[in-house]
Full PDB file with SEQRES, HELIX, SHEET, SSBOND, CRYST1, ORIGX, SCALE, CONECT and MASTER records, all heavy atoms in Angstrom:
SEQRES   1 A   45  ARG ALA VAL TYR ASN ALA ARG GLU GLY ARG ILE GLU MET          
SEQRES   2 A   45  TYR LEU ARG SER LEU ALA ARG GLN VAL VAL HIS VAL GLY          
SEQRES   3 A   45  GLU ARG GLY PHE SER LEU GLU ALA GLY GLU GLY ILE CYS          
SEQRES   4 A   45  THR GLU HIS SER HIS LYS                                      
SHEET    1 AA1 3 ALA A   2  ASN A   5  0                                        
SHEET    2 AA1 3 ARG A  10  ARG A  16 -1                                        
SHEET    3 AA1 3 GLY A  37  HIS A  44 -1                                        
SHEET    1 AA2 2 GLN A  21  VAL A  25  0                                        
SHEET    2 AA2 2 ARG A  28  LEU A  32 -1                                        
CRYST1    1.000    1.000    1.000  90.00  90.00  90.00 P 1           1          
ORIGX1      1.000000  0.000000  0.000000        0.00000                         
ORIGX2      0.000000  1.000000  0.000000        0.00000                         
ORIGX3      0.000000  0.000000  1.000000        0.00000                         
SCALE1      1.000000  0.000000  0.000000        0.00000                         
SCALE2      0.000000  1.000000  0.000000        0.00000                         
SCALE3      0.000000  0.000000  1.000000        0.00000                         
ATOM      1  N   ARG A   1      70.103 146.005  92.269  1.00  0.00           N  
ATOM      2  CA  ARG A   1      69.493 146.669  93.409  1.00  0.00           C  
ATOM      3  C   ARG A   1      70.567 146.943  94.454  1.00  0.00           C  
ATOM      4  O   ARG A   1      71.417 146.095  94.723  1.00  0.00           O  
ATOM      5  CB  ARG A   1      68.394 145.784  94.021  1.00  0.00           C  
ATOM      6  CG  ARG A   1      67.718 146.352  95.264  1.00  0.00           C  
ATOM      7  CD  ARG A   1      67.026 147.654  94.970  1.00  0.00           C  
ATOM      8  NE  ARG A   1      66.273 148.139  96.148  1.00  0.00           N  
ATOM      9  CZ  ARG A   1      66.052 149.422  96.408  1.00  0.00           C  
ATOM     10  NH1 ARG A   1      66.515 150.348  95.580  1.00  0.00           N  
ATOM     11  NH2 ARG A   1      65.363 149.777  97.465  1.00  0.00           N  
ATOM     12  N   ALA A   2      70.543 148.132  95.035  1.00  0.00           N  
ATOM     13  CA  ALA A   2      71.458 148.481  96.111  1.00  0.00           C  
ATOM     14  C   ALA A   2      70.664 149.075  97.261  1.00  0.00           C  
ATOM     15  O   ALA A   2      69.823 149.957  97.053  1.00  0.00           O  
ATOM     16  CB  ALA A   2      72.512 149.471  95.627  1.00  0.00           C  
ATOM     17  N   VAL A   3      70.921 148.584  98.477  1.00  0.00           N  
ATOM     18  CA  VAL A   3      70.193 149.040  99.657  1.00  0.00           C  
ATOM     19  C   VAL A   3      71.189 149.329 100.773  1.00  0.00           C  
ATOM     20  O   VAL A   3      72.288 148.759 100.819  1.00  0.00           O  
ATOM     21  CB  VAL A   3      69.162 147.991 100.143  1.00  0.00           C  
ATOM     22  CG1 VAL A   3      68.076 147.787  99.101  1.00  0.00           C  
ATOM     23  CG2 VAL A   3      69.843 146.658 100.460  1.00  0.00           C  
ATOM     24  N   TYR A   4      70.797 150.220 101.686  1.00  0.00           N  
ATOM     25  CA  TYR A   4      71.645 150.534 102.829  1.00  0.00           C  
ATOM     26  C   TYR A   4      71.229 149.696 104.018  1.00  0.00           C  
ATOM     27  O   TYR A   4      70.068 149.702 104.429  1.00  0.00           O  
ATOM     28  CB  TYR A   4      71.555 152.013 103.182  1.00  0.00           C  
ATOM     29  CG  TYR A   4      72.471 152.407 104.319  1.00  0.00           C  
ATOM     30  CD1 TYR A   4      73.852 152.267 104.204  1.00  0.00           C  
ATOM     31  CD2 TYR A   4      71.957 152.895 105.520  1.00  0.00           C  
ATOM     32  CE1 TYR A   4      74.708 152.614 105.240  1.00  0.00           C  
ATOM     33  CE2 TYR A   4      72.807 153.261 106.562  1.00  0.00           C  
ATOM     34  CZ  TYR A   4      74.177 153.107 106.422  1.00  0.00           C  
ATOM     35  OH  TYR A   4      75.012 153.447 107.453  1.00  0.00           O  
ATOM     36  N   ASN A   5      72.174 148.953 104.567  1.00  0.00           N  
ATOM     37  CA  ASN A   5      71.958 148.164 105.772  1.00  0.00           C  
ATOM     38  C   ASN A   5      72.454 149.003 106.948  1.00  0.00           C  
ATOM     39  O   ASN A   5      73.660 149.089 107.204  1.00  0.00           O  
ATOM     40  CB  ASN A   5      72.739 146.845 105.669  1.00  0.00           C  
ATOM     41  CG  ASN A   5      72.546 145.940 106.866  1.00  0.00           C  
ATOM     42  OD1 ASN A   5      72.301 146.388 107.975  1.00  0.00           O  
ATOM     43  ND2 ASN A   5      72.669 144.637 106.644  1.00  0.00           N  
ATOM     44  N   ALA A   6      71.528 149.642 107.659  1.00  0.00           N  
ATOM     45  CA  ALA A   6      71.903 150.570 108.719  1.00  0.00           C  
ATOM     46  C   ALA A   6      72.595 149.860 109.878  1.00  0.00           C  
ATOM     47  O   ALA A   6      73.512 150.409 110.503  1.00  0.00           O  
ATOM     48  CB  ALA A   6      70.670 151.318 109.217  1.00  0.00           C  
ATOM     49  N   ARG A   7      72.177 148.639 110.176  1.00  0.00           N  
ATOM     50  CA  ARG A   7      72.780 147.912 111.294  1.00  0.00           C  
ATOM     51  C   ARG A   7      74.256 147.635 111.030  1.00  0.00           C  
ATOM     52  O   ARG A   7      75.101 147.760 111.926  1.00  0.00           O  
ATOM     53  CB  ARG A   7      72.033 146.595 111.530  1.00  0.00           C  
ATOM     54  CG  ARG A   7      72.555 145.800 112.725  1.00  0.00           C  
ATOM     55  CD  ARG A   7      71.635 144.614 113.016  1.00  0.00           C  
ATOM     56  NE  ARG A   7      71.627 143.684 111.896  1.00  0.00           N  
ATOM     57  CZ  ARG A   7      72.513 142.705 111.734  1.00  0.00           C  
ATOM     58  NH1 ARG A   7      73.492 142.535 112.609  1.00  0.00           N  
ATOM     59  NH2 ARG A   7      72.423 141.887 110.704  1.00  0.00           N  
ATOM     60  N   GLU A   8      74.602 147.270 109.798  1.00  0.00           N  
ATOM     61  CA  GLU A   8      75.994 146.986 109.441  1.00  0.00           C  
ATOM     62  C   GLU A   8      76.738 148.222 108.941  1.00  0.00           C  
ATOM     63  O   GLU A   8      77.953 148.174 108.744  1.00  0.00           O  
ATOM     64  CB  GLU A   8      76.041 145.887 108.369  1.00  0.00           C  
ATOM     65  CG  GLU A   8      75.456 144.553 108.802  1.00  0.00           C  
ATOM     66  CD  GLU A   8      76.262 143.883 109.893  1.00  0.00           C  
ATOM     67  OE1 GLU A   8      77.453 144.226 110.063  1.00  0.00           O  
ATOM     68  OE2 GLU A   8      75.709 143.017 110.596  1.00  0.00           O  
ATOM     69  N   GLY A   9      75.995 149.302 108.700  1.00  0.00           N  
ATOM     70  CA  GLY A   9      76.623 150.525 108.225  1.00  0.00           C  
ATOM     71  C   GLY A   9      77.214 150.393 106.835  1.00  0.00           C  
ATOM     72  O   GLY A   9      78.316 150.890 106.575  1.00  0.00           O  
ATOM     73  N   ARG A  10      76.458 149.780 105.907  1.00  0.00           N  
ATOM     74  CA  ARG A  10      77.026 149.550 104.583  1.00  0.00           C  
ATOM     75  C   ARG A  10      75.936 149.506 103.514  1.00  0.00           C  
ATOM     76  O   ARG A  10      74.804 149.117 103.767  1.00  0.00           O  
ATOM     77  CB  ARG A  10      77.809 148.239 104.554  1.00  0.00           C  
ATOM     78  CG  ARG A  10      76.941 146.994 104.679  1.00  0.00           C  
ATOM     79  CD  ARG A  10      77.746 145.738 104.928  1.00  0.00           C  
ATOM     80  NE  ARG A  10      76.890 144.551 104.940  1.00  0.00           N  
ATOM     81  CZ  ARG A  10      77.241 143.394 105.500  1.00  0.00           C  
ATOM     82  NH1 ARG A  10      78.422 143.257 106.091  1.00  0.00           N  
ATOM     83  NH2 ARG A  10      76.416 142.358 105.466  1.00  0.00           N  
ATOM     84  N   ILE A  11      76.305 149.940 102.331  1.00  0.00           N  
ATOM     85  CA  ILE A  11      75.513 149.694 101.127  1.00  0.00           C  
ATOM     86  C   ILE A  11      75.760 148.264 100.684  1.00  0.00           C  
ATOM     87  O   ILE A  11      76.900 147.777 100.690  1.00  0.00           O  
ATOM     88  CB  ILE A  11      75.910 150.672 100.000  1.00  0.00           C  
ATOM     89  CG1 ILE A  11      75.354 152.076 100.266  1.00  0.00           C  
ATOM     90  CG2 ILE A  11      75.449 150.174  98.634  1.00  0.00           C  
ATOM     91  CD1 ILE A  11      73.855 152.240  99.980  1.00  0.00           C  
ATOM     92  N   GLU A  12      74.689 147.566 100.307  1.00  0.00           N  
ATOM     93  CA  GLU A  12      74.800 146.206  99.788  1.00  0.00           C  
ATOM     94  C   GLU A  12      74.254 146.185  98.366  1.00  0.00           C  
ATOM     95  O   GLU A  12      73.113 146.594  98.127  1.00  0.00           O  
ATOM     96  CB  GLU A  12      74.028 145.226 100.670  1.00  0.00           C  
ATOM     97  CG  GLU A  12      74.564 145.181 102.093  1.00  0.00           C  
ATOM     98  CD  GLU A  12      73.766 144.309 103.031  1.00  0.00           C  
ATOM     99  OE1 GLU A  12      72.660 143.850 102.641  1.00  0.00           O  
ATOM    100  OE2 GLU A  12      74.232 144.086 104.170  1.00  0.00           O  
ATOM    101  N   MET A  13      75.060 145.749  97.424  1.00  0.00           N  
ATOM    102  CA  MET A  13      74.693 145.749  96.011  1.00  0.00           C  
ATOM    103  C   MET A  13      74.440 144.309  95.563  1.00  0.00           C  
ATOM    104  O   MET A  13      75.242 143.410  95.842  1.00  0.00           O  
ATOM    105  CB  MET A  13      75.806 146.394  95.182  1.00  0.00           C  
ATOM    106  CG  MET A  13      75.346 146.892  93.827  1.00  0.00           C  
ATOM    107  SD  MET A  13      76.481 148.137  93.147  1.00  0.00           S  
ATOM    108  CE  MET A  13      77.799 147.098  92.522  1.00  0.00           C  
ATOM    109  N   TYR A  14      73.315 144.109  94.878  1.00  0.00           N  
ATOM    110  CA  TYR A  14      72.896 142.772  94.488  1.00  0.00           C  
ATOM    111  C   TYR A  14      72.508 142.724  93.012  1.00  0.00           C  
ATOM    112  O   TYR A  14      72.139 143.735  92.408  1.00  0.00           O  
ATOM    113  CB  TYR A  14      71.664 142.330  95.290  1.00  0.00           C  
ATOM    114  CG  TYR A  14      71.899 142.159  96.772  1.00  0.00           C  
ATOM    115  CD1 TYR A  14      71.654 143.213  97.652  1.00  0.00           C  
ATOM    116  CD2 TYR A  14      72.340 140.946  97.287  1.00  0.00           C  
ATOM    117  CE1 TYR A  14      71.858 143.060  99.021  1.00  0.00           C  
ATOM    118  CE2 TYR A  14      72.540 140.780  98.657  1.00  0.00           C  
ATOM    119  CZ  TYR A  14      72.297 141.836  99.514  1.00  0.00           C  
ATOM    120  OH  TYR A  14      72.506 141.687 100.860  1.00  0.00           O  
ATOM    121  N   LEU A  15      72.562 141.513  92.476  1.00  0.00           N  
ATOM    122  CA  LEU A  15      71.888 141.164  91.232  1.00  0.00           C  
ATOM    123  C   LEU A  15      70.784 140.181  91.603  1.00  0.00           C  
ATOM    124  O   LEU A  15      71.061 139.053  92.032  1.00  0.00           O  
ATOM    125  CB  LEU A  15      72.876 140.534  90.242  1.00  0.00           C  
ATOM    126  CG  LEU A  15      73.915 141.498  89.671  1.00  0.00           C  
ATOM    127  CD1 LEU A  15      75.041 140.733  88.995  1.00  0.00           C  
ATOM    128  CD2 LEU A  15      73.265 142.479  88.696  1.00  0.00           C  
ATOM    129  N   ARG A  16      69.535 140.616  91.493  1.00  0.00           N  
ATOM    130  CA  ARG A  16      68.411 139.786  91.925  1.00  0.00           C  
ATOM    131  C   ARG A  16      67.819 139.033  90.742  1.00  0.00           C  
ATOM    132  O   ARG A  16      67.558 139.601  89.680  1.00  0.00           O  
ATOM    133  CB  ARG A  16      67.331 140.642  92.588  1.00  0.00           C  
ATOM    134  CG  ARG A  16      67.798 141.252  93.901  1.00  0.00           C  
ATOM    135  CD  ARG A  16      66.638 141.600  94.815  1.00  0.00           C  
ATOM    136  NE  ARG A  16      67.102 142.121  96.098  1.00  0.00           N  
ATOM    137  CZ  ARG A  16      67.485 141.365  97.124  1.00  0.00           C  
ATOM    138  NH1 ARG A  16      67.472 140.051  97.002  1.00  0.00           N  
ATOM    139  NH2 ARG A  16      67.896 141.926  98.252  1.00  0.00           N  
ATOM    140  N   SER A  17      67.608 137.745  90.953  1.00  0.00           N  
ATOM    141  CA  SER A  17      67.002 136.904  89.924  1.00  0.00           C  
ATOM    142  C   SER A  17      65.525 137.245  89.804  1.00  0.00           C  
ATOM    143  O   SER A  17      64.798 137.289  90.804  1.00  0.00           O  
ATOM    144  CB  SER A  17      67.179 135.426  90.294  1.00  0.00           C  
ATOM    145  OG  SER A  17      66.535 134.599  89.355  1.00  0.00           O  
ATOM    146  N   LEU A  18      65.058 137.464  88.576  1.00  0.00           N  
ATOM    147  CA  LEU A  18      63.654 137.820  88.345  1.00  0.00           C  
ATOM    148  C   LEU A  18      62.757 136.595  88.226  1.00  0.00           C  
ATOM    149  O   LEU A  18      61.533 136.730  88.171  1.00  0.00           O  
ATOM    150  CB  LEU A  18      63.539 138.668  87.080  1.00  0.00           C  
ATOM    151  CG  LEU A  18      64.264 140.020  87.120  1.00  0.00           C  
ATOM    152  CD1 LEU A  18      64.092 140.752  85.795  1.00  0.00           C  
ATOM    153  CD2 LEU A  18      63.758 140.871  88.273  1.00  0.00           C  
ATOM    154  N   ALA A  19      63.358 135.405  88.183  1.00  0.00           N  
ATOM    155  CA  ALA A  19      62.566 134.179  88.046  1.00  0.00           C  
ATOM    156  C   ALA A  19      63.359 133.014  88.627  1.00  0.00           C  
ATOM    157  O   ALA A  19      64.570 133.104  88.827  1.00  0.00           O  
ATOM    158  CB  ALA A  19      62.254 133.912  86.570  1.00  0.00           C  
ATOM    159  N   ARG A  20      62.662 131.943  88.881  1.00  0.00           N  
ATOM    160  CA  ARG A  20      63.357 130.711  89.264  1.00  0.00           C  
ATOM    161  C   ARG A  20      64.110 130.207  88.034  1.00  0.00           C  
ATOM    162  O   ARG A  20      63.542 130.088  86.947  1.00  0.00           O  
ATOM    163  CB  ARG A  20      62.354 129.682  89.742  1.00  0.00           C  
ATOM    164  CG  ARG A  20      62.985 128.457  90.366  1.00  0.00           C  
ATOM    165  CD  ARG A  20      61.926 127.520  90.890  1.00  0.00           C  
ATOM    166  NE  ARG A  20      62.518 126.399  91.607  1.00  0.00           N  
ATOM    167  CZ  ARG A  20      61.828 125.406  92.152  1.00  0.00           C  
ATOM    168  NH1 ARG A  20      60.485 125.407  92.059  1.00  0.00           N  
ATOM    169  NH2 ARG A  20      62.448 124.432  92.783  1.00  0.00           N  
ATOM    170  N   GLN A  21      65.397 129.918  88.204  1.00  0.00           N  
ATOM    171  CA  GLN A  21      66.202 129.546  87.049  1.00  0.00           C  
ATOM    172  C   GLN A  21      67.454 128.784  87.472  1.00  0.00           C  
ATOM    173  O   GLN A  21      67.838 128.782  88.643  1.00  0.00           O  
ATOM    174  CB  GLN A  21      66.614 130.791  86.263  1.00  0.00           C  
ATOM    175  CG  GLN A  21      67.393 131.823  87.072  1.00  0.00           C  
ATOM    176  CD  GLN A  21      67.750 133.061  86.261  1.00  0.00           C  
ATOM    177  OE1 GLN A  21      68.295 132.973  85.158  1.00  0.00           O  
ATOM    178  NE2 GLN A  21      67.453 134.243  86.819  1.00  0.00           N  
ATOM    179  N   VAL A  22      68.058 128.124  86.498  1.00  0.00           N  
ATOM    180  CA  VAL A  22      69.345 127.461  86.684  1.00  0.00           C  
ATOM    181  C   VAL A  22      70.327 128.120  85.722  1.00  0.00           C  
ATOM    182  O   VAL A  22      70.049 128.246  84.527  1.00  0.00           O  
ATOM    183  CB  VAL A  22      69.262 125.950  86.414  1.00  0.00           C  
ATOM    184  CG1 VAL A  22      70.650 125.308  86.524  1.00  0.00           C  
ATOM    185  CG2 VAL A  22      68.292 125.281  87.380  1.00  0.00           C  
ATOM    186  N   VAL A  23      71.452 128.555  86.254  1.00  0.00           N  
ATOM    187  CA  VAL A  23      72.495 129.163  85.430  1.00  0.00           C  
ATOM    188  C   VAL A  23      73.723 128.269  85.471  1.00  0.00           C  
ATOM    189  O   VAL A  23      73.913 127.487  86.407  1.00  0.00           O  
ATOM    190  CB  VAL A  23      72.849 130.583  85.915  1.00  0.00           C  
ATOM    191  CG1 VAL A  23      71.641 131.507  85.810  1.00  0.00           C  
ATOM    192  CG2 VAL A  23      73.375 130.554  87.342  1.00  0.00           C  
ATOM    193  N   HIS A  24      74.537 128.376  84.443  1.00  0.00           N  
ATOM    194  CA  HIS A  24      75.720 127.528  84.343  1.00  0.00           C  
ATOM    195  C   HIS A  24      76.978 128.379  84.178  1.00  0.00           C  
ATOM    196  O   HIS A  24      76.956 129.426  83.516  1.00  0.00           O  
ATOM    197  CB  HIS A  24      75.608 126.570  83.155  1.00  0.00           C  
ATOM    198  CG  HIS A  24      74.480 125.588  83.280  1.00  0.00           C  
ATOM    199  ND1 HIS A  24      73.192 125.909  82.882  1.00  0.00           N  
ATOM    200  CD2 HIS A  24      74.447 124.314  83.776  1.00  0.00           C  
ATOM    201  CE1 HIS A  24      72.399 124.866  83.113  1.00  0.00           C  
ATOM    202  NE2 HIS A  24      73.134 123.892  83.651  1.00  0.00           N  
ATOM    203  N   VAL A  25      78.042 127.898  84.772  1.00  0.00           N  
ATOM    204  CA  VAL A  25      79.386 128.422  84.540  1.00  0.00           C  
ATOM    205  C   VAL A  25      80.222 127.225  84.128  1.00  0.00           C  
ATOM    206  O   VAL A  25      80.562 126.382  84.954  1.00  0.00           O  
ATOM    207  CB  VAL A  25      79.972 129.097  85.795  1.00  0.00           C  
ATOM    208  CG1 VAL A  25      81.372 129.620  85.505  1.00  0.00           C  
ATOM    209  CG2 VAL A  25      79.062 130.224  86.277  1.00  0.00           C  
ATOM    210  N   GLY A  26      80.490 127.132  82.827  1.00  0.00           N  
ATOM    211  CA  GLY A  26      81.114 125.918  82.318  1.00  0.00           C  
ATOM    212  C   GLY A  26      80.178 124.743  82.529  1.00  0.00           C  
ATOM    213  O   GLY A  26      78.994 124.786  82.138  1.00  0.00           O  
ATOM    214  N   GLU A  27      80.661 123.719  83.196  1.00  0.00           N  
ATOM    215  CA  GLU A  27      79.857 122.510  83.429  1.00  0.00           C  
ATOM    216  C   GLU A  27      79.052 122.586  84.719  1.00  0.00           C  
ATOM    217  O   GLU A  27      78.216 121.712  84.962  1.00  0.00           O  
ATOM    218  CB  GLU A  27      80.785 121.282  83.484  1.00  0.00           C  
ATOM    219  CG  GLU A  27      81.608 121.041  82.234  1.00  0.00           C  
ATOM    220  CD  GLU A  27      80.729 120.781  81.024  1.00  0.00           C  
ATOM    221  OE1 GLU A  27      79.720 120.049  81.172  1.00  0.00           O  
ATOM    222  OE2 GLU A  27      81.042 121.307  79.937  1.00  0.00           O  
ATOM    223  N   ARG A  28      79.277 123.592  85.536  1.00  0.00           N  
ATOM    224  CA  ARG A  28      78.609 123.671  86.836  1.00  0.00           C  
ATOM    225  C   ARG A  28      77.302 124.438  86.724  1.00  0.00           C  
ATOM    226  O   ARG A  28      77.231 125.515  86.121  1.00  0.00           O  
ATOM    227  CB  ARG A  28      79.516 124.385  87.851  1.00  0.00           C  
ATOM    228  CG  ARG A  28      80.758 123.602  88.257  1.00  0.00           C  
ATOM    229  CD  ARG A  28      80.469 122.588  89.340  1.00  0.00           C  
ATOM    230  NE  ARG A  28      79.941 123.203  90.544  1.00  0.00           N  
ATOM    231  CZ  ARG A  28      80.697 123.737  91.504  1.00  0.00           C  
ATOM    232  NH1 ARG A  28      82.018 123.759  91.378  1.00  0.00           N  
ATOM    233  NH2 ARG A  28      80.127 124.245  92.583  1.00  0.00           N  
ATOM    234  N   GLY A  29      76.259 123.887  87.339  1.00  0.00           N  
ATOM    235  CA  GLY A  29      74.968 124.532  87.363  1.00  0.00           C  
ATOM    236  C   GLY A  29      74.628 125.052  88.748  1.00  0.00           C  
ATOM    237  O   GLY A  29      75.017 124.444  89.762  1.00  0.00           O  
ATOM    238  N   PHE A  30      73.896 126.170  88.803  1.00  0.00           N  
ATOM    239  CA  PHE A  30      73.524 126.785  90.074  1.00  0.00           C  
ATOM    240  C   PHE A  30      72.064 127.214  90.000  1.00  0.00           C  
ATOM    241  O   PHE A  30      71.657 127.889  89.053  1.00  0.00           O  
ATOM    242  CB  PHE A  30      74.406 128.000  90.380  1.00  0.00           C  
ATOM    243  CG  PHE A  30      75.871 127.684  90.441  1.00  0.00           C  
ATOM    244  CD1 PHE A  30      76.660 127.809  89.304  1.00  0.00           C  
ATOM    245  CD2 PHE A  30      76.450 127.230  91.614  1.00  0.00           C  
ATOM    246  CE1 PHE A  30      78.020 127.509  89.343  1.00  0.00           C  
ATOM    247  CE2 PHE A  30      77.806 126.926  91.664  1.00  0.00           C  
ATOM    248  CZ  PHE A  30      78.587 127.064  90.529  1.00  0.00           C  
ATOM    249  N   SER A  31      71.274 126.812  91.007  1.00  0.00           N  
ATOM    250  CA  SER A  31      69.850 127.143  91.039  1.00  0.00           C  
ATOM    251  C   SER A  31      69.626 128.460  91.761  1.00  0.00           C  
ATOM    252  O   SER A  31      70.261 128.742  92.786  1.00  0.00           O  
ATOM    253  CB  SER A  31      69.071 126.033  91.748  1.00  0.00           C  
ATOM    254  OG  SER A  31      69.183 124.805  91.046  1.00  0.00           O  
ATOM    255  N   LEU A  32      68.732 129.257  91.217  1.00  0.00           N  
ATOM    256  CA  LEU A  32      68.345 130.526  91.826  1.00  0.00           C  
ATOM    257  C   LEU A  32      66.834 130.583  91.931  1.00  0.00           C  
ATOM    258  O   LEU A  32      66.124 130.238  90.971  1.00  0.00           O  
ATOM    259  CB  LEU A  32      68.837 131.705  90.990  1.00  0.00           C  
ATOM    260  CG  LEU A  32      70.342 131.964  91.006  1.00  0.00           C  
ATOM    261  CD1 LEU A  32      70.844 132.327  89.637  1.00  0.00           C  
ATOM    262  CD2 LEU A  32      70.662 133.077  91.989  1.00  0.00           C  
ATOM    263  N   GLU A  33      66.348 131.022  93.086  1.00  0.00           N  
ATOM    264  CA  GLU A  33      64.926 131.234  93.255  1.00  0.00           C  
ATOM    265  C   GLU A  33      64.547 132.628  92.773  1.00  0.00           C  
ATOM    266  O   GLU A  33      65.404 133.529  92.708  1.00  0.00           O  
ATOM    267  CB  GLU A  33      64.528 131.075  94.730  1.00  0.00           C  
ATOM    268  CG  GLU A  33      64.780 129.698  95.300  1.00  0.00           C  
ATOM    269  CD  GLU A  33      63.946 128.620  94.620  1.00  0.00           C  
ATOM    270  OE1 GLU A  33      62.797 128.931  94.209  1.00  0.00           O  
ATOM    271  OE2 GLU A  33      64.445 127.481  94.488  1.00  0.00           O  
ATOM    272  N   ALA A  34      63.284 132.820  92.446  1.00  0.00           N  
ATOM    273  CA  ALA A  34      62.819 134.159  92.087  1.00  0.00           C  
ATOM    274  C   ALA A  34      63.025 135.094  93.278  1.00  0.00           C  
ATOM    275  O   ALA A  34      62.633 134.777  94.402  1.00  0.00           O  
ATOM    276  CB  ALA A  34      61.347 134.125  91.688  1.00  0.00           C  
ATOM    277  N   GLY A  35      63.659 136.217  93.054  1.00  0.00           N  
ATOM    278  CA  GLY A  35      63.933 137.176  94.109  1.00  0.00           C  
ATOM    279  C   GLY A  35      65.240 136.954  94.834  1.00  0.00           C  
ATOM    280  O   GLY A  35      65.659 137.800  95.635  1.00  0.00           O  
ATOM    281  N   GLU A  36      65.916 135.829  94.580  1.00  0.00           N  
ATOM    282  CA  GLU A  36      67.188 135.557  95.245  1.00  0.00           C  
ATOM    283  C   GLU A  36      68.264 136.488  94.699  1.00  0.00           C  
ATOM    284  O   GLU A  36      68.342 136.750  93.502  1.00  0.00           O  
ATOM    285  CB  GLU A  36      67.596 134.101  95.036  1.00  0.00           C  
ATOM    286  CG  GLU A  36      68.873 133.710  95.769  1.00  0.00           C  
ATOM    287  CD  GLU A  36      69.217 132.236  95.616  1.00  0.00           C  
ATOM    288  OE1 GLU A  36      68.430 131.492  94.996  1.00  0.00           O  
ATOM    289  OE2 GLU A  36      70.276 131.830  96.133  1.00  0.00           O  
ATOM    290  N   GLY A  37      69.104 136.967  95.583  1.00  0.00           N  
ATOM    291  CA  GLY A  37      70.135 137.907  95.172  1.00  0.00           C  
ATOM    292  C   GLY A  37      71.523 137.310  95.186  1.00  0.00           C  
ATOM    293  O   GLY A  37      71.844 136.446  96.005  1.00  0.00           O  
ATOM    294  N   ILE A  38      72.349 137.776  94.264  1.00  0.00           N  
ATOM    295  CA  ILE A  38      73.788 137.513  94.275  1.00  0.00           C  
ATOM    296  C   ILE A  38      74.445 138.813  94.710  1.00  0.00           C  
ATOM    297  O   ILE A  38      74.353 139.829  94.017  1.00  0.00           O  
ATOM    298  CB  ILE A  38      74.299 137.108  92.878  1.00  0.00           C  
ATOM    299  CG1 ILE A  38      73.556 135.884  92.353  1.00  0.00           C  
ATOM    300  CG2 ILE A  38      75.811 136.841  92.924  1.00  0.00           C  
ATOM    301  CD1 ILE A  38      73.874 135.565  90.894  1.00  0.00           C  
ATOM    302  N   CYS A  39      75.094 138.799  95.871  1.00  0.00           N  
ATOM    303  CA  CYS A  39      75.731 140.017  96.375  1.00  0.00           C  
ATOM    304  C   CYS A  39      77.035 140.253  95.614  1.00  0.00           C  
ATOM    305  O   CYS A  39      77.884 139.365  95.530  1.00  0.00           O  
ATOM    306  CB  CYS A  39      76.001 139.893  97.865  1.00  0.00           C  
ATOM    307  SG  CYS A  39      76.678 141.397  98.592  1.00  0.00           S  
ATOM    308  N   THR A  40      77.188 141.444  95.078  1.00  0.00           N  
ATOM    309  CA  THR A  40      78.388 141.765  94.293  1.00  0.00           C  
ATOM    310  C   THR A  40      79.261 142.834  94.950  1.00  0.00           C  
ATOM    311  O   THR A  40      80.402 143.029  94.522  1.00  0.00           O  
ATOM    312  CB  THR A  40      78.001 142.258  92.883  1.00  0.00           C  
ATOM    313  OG1 THR A  40      77.120 143.378  93.010  1.00  0.00           O  
ATOM    314  CG2 THR A  40      77.303 141.151  92.097  1.00  0.00           C  
ATOM    315  N   GLU A  41      78.753 143.535  95.963  1.00  0.00           N  
ATOM    316  CA  GLU A  41      79.577 144.554  96.609  1.00  0.00           C  
ATOM    317  C   GLU A  41      78.966 144.977  97.930  1.00  0.00           C  
ATOM    318  O   GLU A  41      77.749 145.088  98.059  1.00  0.00           O  
ATOM    319  CB  GLU A  41      79.730 145.792  95.709  1.00  0.00           C  
ATOM    320  CG  GLU A  41      80.633 146.873  96.295  1.00  0.00           C  
ATOM    321  CD  GLU A  41      80.821 148.045  95.349  1.00  0.00           C  
ATOM    322  OE1 GLU A  41      81.703 147.967  94.488  1.00  0.00           O  
ATOM    323  OE2 GLU A  41      80.067 149.029  95.478  1.00  0.00           O  
ATOM    324  N   HIS A  42      79.829 145.180  98.914  1.00  0.00           N  
ATOM    325  CA  HIS A  42      79.491 145.913 100.133  1.00  0.00           C  
ATOM    326  C   HIS A  42      80.309 147.194 100.128  1.00  0.00           C  
ATOM    327  O   HIS A  42      81.464 147.199  99.713  1.00  0.00           O  
ATOM    328  CB  HIS A  42      79.838 145.106 101.384  1.00  0.00           C  
ATOM    329  CG  HIS A  42      78.903 143.974 101.651  1.00  0.00           C  
ATOM    330  ND1 HIS A  42      79.208 142.939 102.510  1.00  0.00           N  
ATOM    331  CD2 HIS A  42      77.661 143.698 101.171  1.00  0.00           C  
ATOM    332  CE1 HIS A  42      78.203 142.092 102.551  1.00  0.00           C  
ATOM    333  NE2 HIS A  42      77.253 142.521 101.754  1.00  0.00           N  
ATOM    334  N   SER A  43      79.713 148.269 100.597  1.00  0.00           N  
ATOM    335  CA  SER A  43      80.441 149.532 100.714  1.00  0.00           C  
ATOM    336  C   SER A  43      80.181 150.102 102.105  1.00  0.00           C  
ATOM    337  O   SER A  43      79.145 150.737 102.343  1.00  0.00           O  
ATOM    338  CB  SER A  43      80.000 150.513  99.627  1.00  0.00           C  
ATOM    339  OG  SER A  43      80.756 151.693  99.688  1.00  0.00           O  
ATOM    340  N   HIS A  44      81.125 149.833 103.018  1.00  0.00           N  
ATOM    341  CA  HIS A  44      80.976 150.279 104.407  1.00  0.00           C  
ATOM    342  C   HIS A  44      81.194 151.788 104.522  1.00  0.00           C  
ATOM    343  O   HIS A  44      82.066 152.353 103.865  1.00  0.00           O  
ATOM    344  CB  HIS A  44      81.973 149.562 105.305  1.00  0.00           C  
ATOM    345  CG  HIS A  44      81.693 148.095 105.466  1.00  0.00           C  
ATOM    346  ND1 HIS A  44      82.054 147.162 104.516  1.00  0.00           N  
ATOM    347  CD2 HIS A  44      81.074 147.407 106.456  1.00  0.00           C  
ATOM    348  CE1 HIS A  44      81.682 145.950 104.914  1.00  0.00           C  
ATOM    349  NE2 HIS A  44      81.086 146.074 106.076  1.00  0.00           N  
ATOM    350  N   LYS A  45      80.392 152.400 105.370  1.00  0.00           N  
ATOM    351  CA  LYS A  45      80.514 153.819 105.673  1.00  0.00           C  
ATOM    352  C   LYS A  45      80.964 153.955 107.132  1.00  0.00           C  
ATOM    353  O   LYS A  45      80.584 153.141 107.978  1.00  0.00           O  
ATOM    354  CB  LYS A  45      79.186 154.549 105.455  1.00  0.00           C  
ATOM    355  CG  LYS A  45      78.517 154.221 104.112  1.00  0.00           C  
ATOM    356  CD  LYS A  45      79.407 154.515 102.918  1.00  0.00           C  
ATOM    357  CE  LYS A  45      78.776 154.051 101.604  1.00  0.00           C  
ATOM    358  NZ  LYS A  45      79.670 154.235 100.447  1.00  0.00           N  
TER     359      LYS A  45                                                      
MASTER        0    0    0    0    5    0    0    6  358    1    0    4          
END                                                                             
C-alpha cells in the first residue's frame, strides 16, 4: 500500500500485515498486528 501524506509532502510505501502473526529473521522473532505496516519507502515531493 502506498499513500500520500500531505502534511509531510511525501508518498509513504508500506507492507501491511493481513493478520496477527510472528515472523522470524534467523533466530529473532517479531510480532505484527493485523493491519500493522512495515514502512519500506518515503518519497518526498
